[in-house]
Amino acid sequence: MQKEKAFDAPSTPTTRVRHRKRNSDLVSGSGKANGRSHLLVNDSSKYKSFLIRAYSTFWMIGGFALIVYLGHLYITAMVVVIQIFMARELFNLLRKTHEDKQLPGFRLLNWHFFFTAMLFVYGRILSQRLVNTVTPDKVLYRLVTNLIKYHMAICYSLYISGFVWFILTLKKKMYKYQFSQYAWTHMILIVVFTQSSFTVANIFEGIFWFLLPASLIVINDIFAYICGFFFGRTPLIKLSPKKTWEGFIGASITTMFSAFLLANIMGRFLWLTCPREDLSTGWLHCDPGPLYKQETHVLPGWISVWFPWKEISILPVQWHALCLGLFASIIAPFGGFFASGFKRAFKVKDFGDSIPGHGGITDRMDCQMVMAVFAYIYHQSFVVTQGLSVDKLLDQIITSLTLEEQHALLMKLGQVLQEKAIGS
């Protein structure tokens, strides 16, 4: 009886409000559980966002193509600019204005660590190419070789000065915020410079090994959006509600086909395939190597019955491109899923608003970071011939030895060769 009285008790305004909240929660919860309300095909403003995104994509691709045309050094400069924007977006992600006002100069400390890491990473990657550039000038050559010799000591000194700076700025009641920012800064350096170091290494191994992987990620992203826009019905992953299986599969097929076709086109241009051994900006001429020389394959007889082709010409590098395309279409998107989960953890929609319709620079580089590392490891493991070569030994001699030591090595080598000639 008491339960029935309680059930039949008149409802107050407060209880009515609670009932309405519960009902609205149930409705919104059911919509989220369904997962289809987030799909692009059900988005009423999808055409407006599509036009904005297409406009931004057009300008990005145009600017990217121009920079690639200008050559290795300009592409590296573009990577540096992208790094700075990424670092700025990530620094601002956990920034608290109230705490920063109580810590003057604390933001400057973050950038001190950033540029120290930049000097260390690029110094190690570009040192030999810088030496090759200034070799004709004796004064610059000595200056550069000395800087390279003490490069690690200089970077360590800069880092230690930042470390001491951080300790001296510790402030009571701000310890937790300062140490969290210190750890966050180092995580940013690891994420940003791990990716960039592999990217720059790919550039100087040949623009082909930078341009093809980057293009495949762009193609995969565009066609995942287009296929999801028109055909997406089945949600793919909860971290990204707008991703669909239709978009994922359609983008994978398109990416594999594009990888095979683009490798054939790009592999015919020397300025894309030749490695750069210095920091000049002129056009390159080199022996393209067997990877970029056509091989003719006779097709089976049953194919010539249905199609007019009896043989086909393929560059060997196209088979490697298929491996890159497979990774770009299946594994690299997980970099985007990771970024989506990361943004959800911090309750932000995008890392920034630098690119209309796309978000920030970091939002566009999530999959590129994963792809750049794979492209470098694949190139070094399955494409580059292992072992010492005359060029590598010569590079080490020029970098590590002084002019007097090089002269002594030359005399000693001549003596050894003369003794061998007499003995034979």
Protein backbone atom coordinates (compact mmCIF):
# COMPACT_ATOMS: atom_id res chain seq x y z
CA MET A 1 0.00 0.00 0.00
CA GLN A 2 2.77 2.40 0.85
CA LYS A 3 4.42 1.65 -2.46
CA GLU A 4 1.17 2.30 -4.31
CA LYS A 5 0.67 5.60 -2.47
CA ALA A 6 4.17 6.59 -3.29
CA PHE A 7 3.57 5.70 -6.92
CA ASP A 8 0.27 7.62 -7.06
CA ALA A 9 1.62 10.67 -5.23
CA PRO A 10 1.08 13.95 -7.11
CA SER A 11 4.10 15.07 -9.04
CA THR A 12 5.79 18.32 -8.14
CA PRO A 13 7.45 20.70 -10.64
CA THR A 14 10.83 19.35 -9.59
CA THR A 15 9.87 15.77 -10.36
CA ARG A 16 8.39 16.79 -13.72
CA VAL A 17 11.71 18.43 -14.65
CA ARG A 18 13.58 15.30 -13.63
CA HIS A 19 11.24 13.14 -15.74
CA ARG A 20 11.81 15.39 -18.75
CA LYS A 21 15.59 15.18 -18.30
CA ARG A 22 15.44 11.40 -18.07
CA ASN A 23 13.31 11.20 -21.21
CA SER A 24 15.65 13.49 -23.14
CA ASP A 25 18.64 11.47 -21.96
CA LEU A 26 16.96 8.29 -23.19
CA VAL A 27 16.26 9.83 -26.59
CA SER A 28 19.78 11.16 -27.01
CA GLY A 29 21.23 7.91 -25.72
CA SER A 30 19.23 5.89 -28.21
CA GLY A 31 20.40 8.15 -31.01
CA LYS A 32 24.01 7.71 -29.98
CA ALA A 33 23.55 3.98 -29.60
CA ASN A 34 22.22 3.78 -33.09
CA GLY A 35 25.40 5.50 -34.36
CA ARG A 36 23.80 6.53 -37.65
CA SER A 37 22.91 10.08 -36.69
CA HIS A 38 26.60 11.02 -36.97
CA LEU A 39 27.08 9.62 -40.47
CA LEU A 40 27.72 12.07 -43.32
CA VAL A 41 24.82 10.76 -45.37
CA ASN A 42 22.46 11.93 -42.60
CA ASP A 43 24.12 15.32 -42.08
CA SER A 44 21.85 18.13 -43.30
CA SER A 45 24.79 20.56 -43.72
CA LYS A 46 27.11 18.12 -45.42
CA TYR A 47 27.16 19.92 -48.79
CA LYS A 48 28.24 23.20 -47.21
CA SER A 49 31.03 21.50 -45.26
CA PHE A 50 31.96 19.56 -48.40
CA LEU A 51 32.48 22.79 -50.40
CA ILE A 52 34.56 24.37 -47.63
CA ARG A 53 36.67 21.24 -47.32
CA ALA A 54 37.10 20.95 -51.11
CA TYR A 55 38.17 24.62 -51.39
CA SER A 56 40.81 24.18 -48.67
CA THR A 57 41.99 20.90 -50.20
CA PHE A 58 42.42 22.54 -53.60
CA TRP A 59 44.69 25.26 -52.21
CA MET A 60 46.66 22.82 -50.06
CA ILE A 61 47.34 20.49 -53.00
CA GLY A 62 48.30 23.43 -55.23
CA GLY A 63 50.73 24.87 -52.69
CA PHE A 64 52.15 21.42 -51.97
CA ALA A 65 52.75 20.76 -55.68
CA LEU A 66 54.57 24.09 -56.07
CA ILE A 67 56.87 23.39 -53.12
CA VAL A 68 57.65 19.89 -54.40
CA TYR A 69 58.53 21.39 -57.78
CA LEU A 70 61.02 23.75 -56.11
CA GLY A 71 63.01 20.86 -54.72
CA HIS A 72 64.47 19.18 -51.65
CA LEU A 73 65.45 22.24 -49.65
CA TYR A 74 62.05 23.90 -50.00
CA ILE A 75 60.26 20.69 -49.03
CA THR A 76 62.43 20.50 -45.90
CA ALA A 77 61.55 24.12 -45.09
CA MET A 78 57.87 23.21 -45.47
CA VAL A 79 58.33 20.34 -43.00
CA VAL A 80 59.92 22.74 -40.52
CA VAL A 81 56.99 25.17 -40.81
CA ILE A 82 54.51 22.33 -40.34
CA GLN A 83 56.43 21.24 -37.24
CA ILE A 84 56.22 24.70 -35.71
CA PHE A 85 52.46 24.87 -36.29
CA MET A 86 51.99 21.38 -34.86
CA ALA A 87 54.03 22.26 -31.78
CA ARG A 88 52.03 25.46 -31.27
CA GLU A 89 48.72 23.58 -31.47
CA LEU A 90 49.89 20.87 -29.09
CA PHE A 91 51.41 23.35 -26.63
CA ASN A 92 48.10 25.21 -26.52
CA LEU A 93 46.12 22.00 -25.94
CA LEU A 94 46.99 21.80 -22.23
CA ARG A 95 47.74 25.47 -21.71
CA LYS A 96 45.97 27.21 -18.83
CA THR A 97 45.96 31.00 -19.11
CA HIS A 98 45.55 31.60 -15.39
CA GLU A 99 48.61 29.51 -14.50
CA ASP A 100 50.68 30.95 -17.36
CA LYS A 101 50.11 34.47 -16.09
CA GLN A 102 51.73 33.45 -12.81
CA LEU A 103 54.73 31.96 -14.64
CA PRO A 104 56.22 34.63 -16.93
CA GLY A 105 58.59 33.17 -19.51
CA PHE A 106 57.30 29.61 -19.07
CA ARG A 107 56.05 29.45 -22.67
CA LEU A 108 59.45 30.61 -23.87
CA LEU A 109 61.01 27.64 -22.08
CA ASN A 110 58.84 25.24 -24.12
CA TRP A 111 60.07 26.80 -27.35
CA HIS A 112 63.66 26.65 -26.07
CA PHE A 113 63.37 22.87 -25.81
CA PHE A 114 61.65 22.75 -29.20
CA PHE A 115 64.41 24.58 -31.11
CA THR A 116 67.10 22.66 -29.22
CA ALA A 117 65.52 19.41 -30.43
CA MET A 118 65.29 20.86 -33.94
CA LEU A 119 69.01 21.71 -33.94
CA PHE A 120 69.88 18.20 -32.72
CA VAL A 121 67.69 16.30 -35.20
CA TYR A 122 68.43 18.33 -38.31
CA GLY A 123 72.09 18.67 -37.41
CA ARG A 124 72.48 14.90 -37.47
CA ILE A 125 70.46 14.41 -40.66
CA LEU A 126 71.86 17.26 -42.75
CA SER A 127 75.45 17.49 -41.46
CA GLN A 128 77.05 15.51 -44.29
CA ARG A 129 75.05 17.35 -46.93
CA LEU A 130 76.08 20.67 -45.42
CA VAL A 131 79.73 19.60 -45.59
CA ASN A 132 79.30 18.63 -49.25
CA THR A 133 77.82 22.07 -49.94
CA VAL A 134 80.63 24.15 -48.37
CA THR A 135 83.60 21.93 -49.31
CA PRO A 136 84.94 24.32 -52.02
CA ASP A 137 85.23 27.16 -49.46
CA LYS A 138 88.06 26.41 -46.99
CA VAL A 139 86.91 28.89 -44.32
CA LEU A 140 83.32 27.70 -44.32
CA TYR A 141 84.48 24.11 -44.51
CA ARG A 142 86.55 24.43 -41.32
CA LEU A 143 83.75 26.27 -39.53
CA VAL A 144 81.15 23.69 -40.50
CA THR A 145 83.35 20.69 -39.66
CA ASN A 146 84.09 22.15 -36.21
CA LEU A 147 80.39 22.78 -35.59
CA ILE A 148 79.59 19.22 -36.63
CA LYS A 149 82.35 17.86 -34.40
CA TYR A 150 80.90 19.64 -31.35
CA HIS A 151 77.28 19.43 -32.46
CA MET A 152 76.22 16.99 -29.75
CA ALA A 153 77.99 18.97 -27.04
CA ILE A 154 76.31 22.19 -28.17
CA CYS A 155 72.84 20.59 -28.16
CA TYR A 156 73.43 19.02 -24.76
CA SER A 157 74.54 22.35 -23.34
CA LEU A 158 71.40 24.02 -24.65
CA TYR A 159 69.21 21.28 -23.18
CA ILE A 160 70.92 21.43 -19.78
CA SER A 161 70.53 25.20 -19.72
CA GLY A 162 66.78 24.70 -20.31
CA PHE A 163 66.68 22.07 -17.58
CA VAL A 164 68.34 24.41 -15.09
CA TRP A 165 66.02 27.21 -16.23
CA PHE A 166 63.03 24.97 -15.49
CA ILE A 167 64.27 24.09 -12.00
CA LEU A 168 64.93 27.74 -11.14
CA THR A 169 61.41 28.76 -12.21
CA LEU A 170 59.61 26.20 -10.01
CA LYS A 171 57.03 28.04 -7.97
CA LYS A 172 55.18 26.97 -4.85
CA LYS A 173 51.61 25.72 -5.47
CA MET A 174 52.44 25.48 -9.18
CA TYR A 175 54.59 22.36 -9.08
CA LYS A 176 51.97 20.01 -10.53
CA TYR A 177 51.19 22.29 -13.47
CA GLN A 178 54.85 22.96 -14.23
CA PHE A 179 55.90 19.30 -14.15
CA SER A 180 52.89 18.26 -16.25
CA GLN A 181 53.85 20.89 -18.83
CA TYR A 182 57.48 19.72 -18.73
CA ALA A 183 56.40 16.13 -19.44
CA TRP A 184 53.90 17.29 -22.09
CA THR A 185 56.62 19.30 -23.84
CA HIS A 186 58.91 16.28 -24.06
CA MET A 187 56.12 14.09 -25.38
CA ILE A 188 55.46 16.67 -28.11
CA LEU A 189 59.15 16.68 -29.02
CA ILE A 190 59.17 12.88 -29.32
CA VAL A 191 56.01 12.78 -31.47
CA VAL A 192 56.89 15.72 -33.73
CA PHE A 193 60.60 15.10 -34.28
CA THR A 194 60.39 11.33 -34.62
CA GLN A 195 58.08 11.86 -37.55
CA SER A 196 59.97 14.79 -39.04
CA SER A 197 63.38 13.11 -38.87
CA PHE A 198 62.10 10.20 -40.96
CA THR A 199 60.32 12.59 -43.32
CA VAL A 200 63.44 14.65 -44.04
CA ALA A 201 65.53 11.50 -44.44
CA ASN A 202 63.02 10.29 -47.04
CA ILE A 203 63.22 13.62 -48.89
CA PHE A 204 66.99 13.43 -49.38
CA GLU A 205 66.86 9.75 -50.36
CA GLY A 206 64.79 10.95 -53.30
CA ILE A 207 61.65 13.08 -53.41
CA PHE A 208 59.86 9.98 -54.71
CA TRP A 209 60.07 8.37 -51.25
CA PHE A 210 58.52 11.44 -49.64
CA LEU A 211 55.99 12.38 -52.31
CA LEU A 212 54.46 8.95 -52.99
CA PRO A 213 53.68 8.05 -49.33
CA ALA A 214 52.36 11.56 -48.63
CA SER A 215 50.19 11.47 -51.77
CA LEU A 216 48.76 8.07 -50.84
CA ILE A 217 47.63 9.38 -47.46
CA VAL A 218 45.96 12.37 -49.14
CA ILE A 219 44.24 10.12 -51.70
CA ASN A 220 43.08 7.73 -49.00
CA ASP A 221 41.70 10.56 -46.90
CA ILE A 222 39.89 12.21 -49.83
CA PHE A 223 38.25 9.02 -51.10
CA ALA A 224 37.34 7.83 -47.61
CA TYR A 225 35.47 11.12 -47.24
CA ILE A 226 33.86 10.91 -50.70
CA CYS A 227 32.80 7.25 -50.40
CA GLY A 228 31.51 7.86 -46.89
CA PHE A 229 29.76 11.02 -48.08
CA PHE A 230 27.73 9.25 -50.76
CA PHE A 231 27.59 5.59 -49.70
CA GLY A 232 28.46 5.40 -46.01
CA ARG A 233 25.91 3.42 -44.00
CA THR A 234 27.86 1.13 -41.66
CA PRO A 235 29.83 2.76 -38.79
CA LEU A 236 33.47 1.69 -38.68
CA ILE A 237 34.80 2.65 -35.25
CA LYS A 238 33.31 4.44 -32.25
CA LEU A 239 36.29 6.79 -31.91
CA SER A 240 35.34 8.40 -35.25
CA PRO A 241 31.54 8.25 -35.61
CA LYS A 242 31.61 9.58 -39.18
CA LYS A 243 33.97 6.86 -40.44
CA THR A 244 32.20 4.04 -42.28
CA TRP A 245 33.14 0.65 -43.69
CA GLU A 246 32.02 1.80 -47.14
CA GLY A 247 34.42 4.76 -46.98
CA PHE A 248 37.25 2.59 -45.62
CA ILE A 249 36.92 -0.10 -48.30
CA GLY A 250 36.38 2.37 -51.15
CA ALA A 251 39.43 4.39 -50.09
CA SER A 252 41.56 1.23 -49.79
CA ILE A 253 40.79 0.10 -53.34
CA THR A 254 41.42 3.58 -54.73
CA THR A 255 44.68 3.95 -52.79
CA MET A 256 46.09 0.64 -54.04
CA PHE A 257 45.24 1.48 -57.64
CA SER A 258 46.70 4.99 -57.25
CA ALA A 259 49.92 3.66 -55.70
CA PHE A 260 50.60 1.39 -58.67
CA LEU A 261 49.80 4.12 -61.21
CA LEU A 262 51.58 7.01 -59.47
CA ALA A 263 54.77 4.98 -58.98
CA ASN A 264 54.95 4.47 -62.75
CA ILE A 265 54.48 8.19 -63.41
CA MET A 266 56.81 9.52 -60.68
CA GLY A 267 59.49 6.93 -61.38
CA ARG A 268 60.12 8.43 -64.83
CA PHE A 269 61.40 11.79 -63.51
CA LEU A 270 65.05 12.03 -62.43
CA TRP A 271 64.43 15.05 -60.20
CA LEU A 272 62.07 12.86 -58.15
CA THR A 273 64.17 9.70 -58.00
CA CYS A 274 67.73 11.03 -57.62
CA PRO A 275 69.02 11.39 -54.04
CA ARG A 276 70.35 14.81 -52.99
CA GLU A 277 73.87 14.77 -51.52
CA ASP A 278 74.10 18.49 -50.73
CA LEU A 279 71.88 21.46 -49.86
CA SER A 280 71.82 23.10 -53.28
CA THR A 281 68.62 23.70 -55.22
CA GLY A 282 69.65 22.81 -58.78
CA TRP A 283 68.23 20.08 -60.96
CA LEU A 284 69.59 16.57 -60.45
CA HIS A 285 70.97 14.08 -62.97
CA CYS A 286 71.87 10.54 -61.96
CA ASP A 287 71.65 6.91 -62.96
CA PRO A 288 68.07 6.04 -61.96
CA GLY A 289 69.06 2.51 -60.97
CA PRO A 290 67.27 -0.76 -61.75
CA LEU A 291 64.18 0.16 -59.70
CA TYR A 292 63.24 2.88 -62.18
CA LYS A 293 64.03 1.05 -65.43
CA GLN A 294 61.17 -0.53 -67.35
CA GLU A 295 60.73 -4.27 -67.43
CA THR A 296 58.46 -5.85 -70.05
CA HIS A 297 56.24 -8.74 -68.99
CA VAL A 298 54.35 -10.99 -71.43
CA LEU A 299 50.74 -11.44 -70.36
CA PRO A 300 49.08 -14.87 -70.26
CA GLY A 301 47.23 -15.95 -73.38
CA TRP A 302 43.78 -15.86 -71.80
CA ILE A 303 44.20 -12.13 -71.08
CA SER A 304 45.00 -11.29 -74.72
CA VAL A 305 41.77 -13.04 -75.74
CA TRP A 306 39.67 -10.53 -73.81
CA PHE A 307 41.95 -7.49 -73.91
CA PRO A 308 44.12 -5.99 -76.68
CA TRP A 309 47.34 -6.14 -74.60
CA LYS A 310 49.90 -8.89 -75.10
CA GLU A 311 52.62 -7.42 -72.89
CA ILE A 312 52.93 -4.74 -70.26
CA SER A 313 55.83 -2.51 -69.16
CA ILE A 314 56.25 -2.06 -65.40
CA LEU A 315 58.83 -0.30 -63.24
CA PRO A 316 60.08 -2.60 -60.43
CA VAL A 317 59.43 0.19 -57.94
CA GLN A 318 55.69 -0.24 -58.62
CA TRP A 319 55.70 -3.47 -56.61
CA HIS A 320 57.18 -1.59 -53.66
CA ALA A 321 54.50 1.06 -54.17
CA LEU A 322 51.82 -1.58 -53.67
CA CYS A 323 53.26 -2.30 -50.19
CA LEU A 324 53.16 1.41 -49.39
CA GLY A 325 49.58 1.61 -50.68
CA LEU A 326 48.54 -1.36 -48.57
CA PHE A 327 49.94 0.25 -45.43
CA ALA A 328 48.46 3.66 -46.30
CA SER A 329 44.98 2.19 -46.75
CA ILE A 330 44.84 -0.27 -43.83
CA ILE A 331 47.29 0.72 -41.06
CA ALA A 332 47.90 4.46 -41.50
CA PRO A 333 44.22 5.39 -40.82
CA PHE A 334 44.75 4.15 -37.27
CA GLY A 335 46.90 7.25 -36.78
CA GLY A 336 43.71 9.22 -37.37
CA PHE A 337 41.77 6.99 -34.99
CA PHE A 338 44.48 7.54 -32.36
CA ALA A 339 44.20 11.29 -32.84
CA SER A 340 40.40 11.07 -32.55
CA GLY A 341 40.69 9.21 -29.26
CA PHE A 342 43.26 11.70 -28.06
CA LYS A 343 40.96 14.64 -28.83
CA ARG A 344 38.07 12.91 -27.10
CA ALA A 345 40.23 12.42 -24.01
CA PHE A 346 40.81 16.18 -23.89
CA LYS A 347 37.27 17.03 -25.04
CA VAL A 348 38.24 19.06 -28.11
CA LYS A 349 36.87 18.75 -31.64
CA ASP A 350 40.07 19.71 -33.48
CA PHE A 351 43.66 20.49 -32.56
CA GLY A 352 43.28 23.93 -34.13
CA ASP A 353 41.48 25.94 -36.79
CA SER A 354 44.34 26.72 -39.20
CA ILE A 355 42.67 25.00 -42.19
CA PRO A 356 38.97 25.73 -42.89
CA GLY A 357 36.97 22.51 -42.98
CA HIS A 358 39.90 20.39 -41.81
CA GLY A 359 40.79 21.72 -38.36
CA GLY A 360 44.42 22.29 -37.45
CA ILE A 361 47.71 21.25 -39.02
CA THR A 362 47.97 18.36 -36.54
CA ASP A 363 44.59 17.05 -37.70
CA ARG A 364 46.02 16.66 -41.22
CA MET A 365 49.32 15.14 -40.10
CA ASP A 366 48.09 12.31 -37.85
CA CYS A 367 48.20 9.64 -40.58
CA GLN A 368 51.21 11.25 -42.29
CA MET A 369 53.30 10.71 -39.15
CA VAL A 370 52.61 6.98 -39.15
CA MET A 371 53.21 6.73 -42.91
CA ALA A 372 56.51 8.64 -42.89
CA VAL A 373 58.06 6.28 -40.34
CA PHE A 374 56.91 3.20 -42.26
CA ALA A 375 58.17 4.58 -45.60
CA TYR A 376 61.64 5.20 -44.17
CA ILE A 377 61.89 1.79 -42.48
CA TYR A 378 60.60 0.04 -45.60
CA HIS A 379 63.05 1.93 -47.83
CA GLN A 380 66.04 1.14 -45.59
CA SER A 381 65.02 -2.51 -45.11
CA PHE A 382 63.86 -3.59 -48.56
CA VAL A 383 65.10 -1.03 -51.09
CA VAL A 384 68.53 0.29 -50.07
CA THR A 385 71.39 -2.16 -50.57
CA GLN A 386 73.11 -2.81 -47.25
CA GLY A 387 76.82 -2.65 -46.60
CA LEU A 388 79.60 -0.13 -47.06
CA SER A 389 80.13 1.72 -50.30
CA VAL A 390 82.80 4.03 -51.67
CA ASP A 391 80.51 7.04 -51.30
CA LYS A 392 79.67 6.25 -47.66
CA LEU A 393 83.33 5.75 -46.74
CA LEU A 394 84.26 8.97 -48.51
CA ASP A 395 81.52 10.83 -46.64
CA GLN A 396 82.84 9.55 -43.30
CA ILE A 397 86.41 10.52 -44.21
CA ILE A 398 85.42 14.06 -45.22
CA THR A 399 83.25 14.53 -42.12
CA SER A 400 85.46 12.95 -39.45
CA LEU A 401 89.03 13.72 -40.53
CA THR A 402 90.87 17.00 -40.84
CA LEU A 403 92.64 17.99 -44.06
CA GLU A 404 95.99 16.85 -42.61
CA GLU A 405 94.53 13.49 -41.58
CA GLN A 406 92.94 13.06 -45.00
CA HIS A 407 96.30 13.75 -46.64
CA ALA A 408 97.99 11.21 -44.35
CA LEU A 409 95.30 8.65 -45.20
CA LEU A 410 95.85 9.25 -48.91
CA MET A 411 99.60 8.72 -48.57
CA LYS A 412 99.08 5.56 -46.51
CA LEU A 413 96.52 4.19 -48.97
CA GLY A 414 98.88 4.89 -51.88
CA GLN A 415 101.68 3.07 -50.04
CA VAL A 416 99.46 0.03 -49.38
CA LEU A 417 98.31 -0.12 -53.01
CA GLN A 418 101.93 0.19 -54.23
CA GLU A 419 103.05 -2.70 -51.99
CA LYS A 420 100.17 -4.85 -53.28
CA ALA A 421 101.09 -4.03 -56.87
CA ILE A 422 104.75 -5.00 -56.29
CA GLY A 423 103.73 -8.21 -54.53
CA SER A 424 101.48 -9.29 -57.37
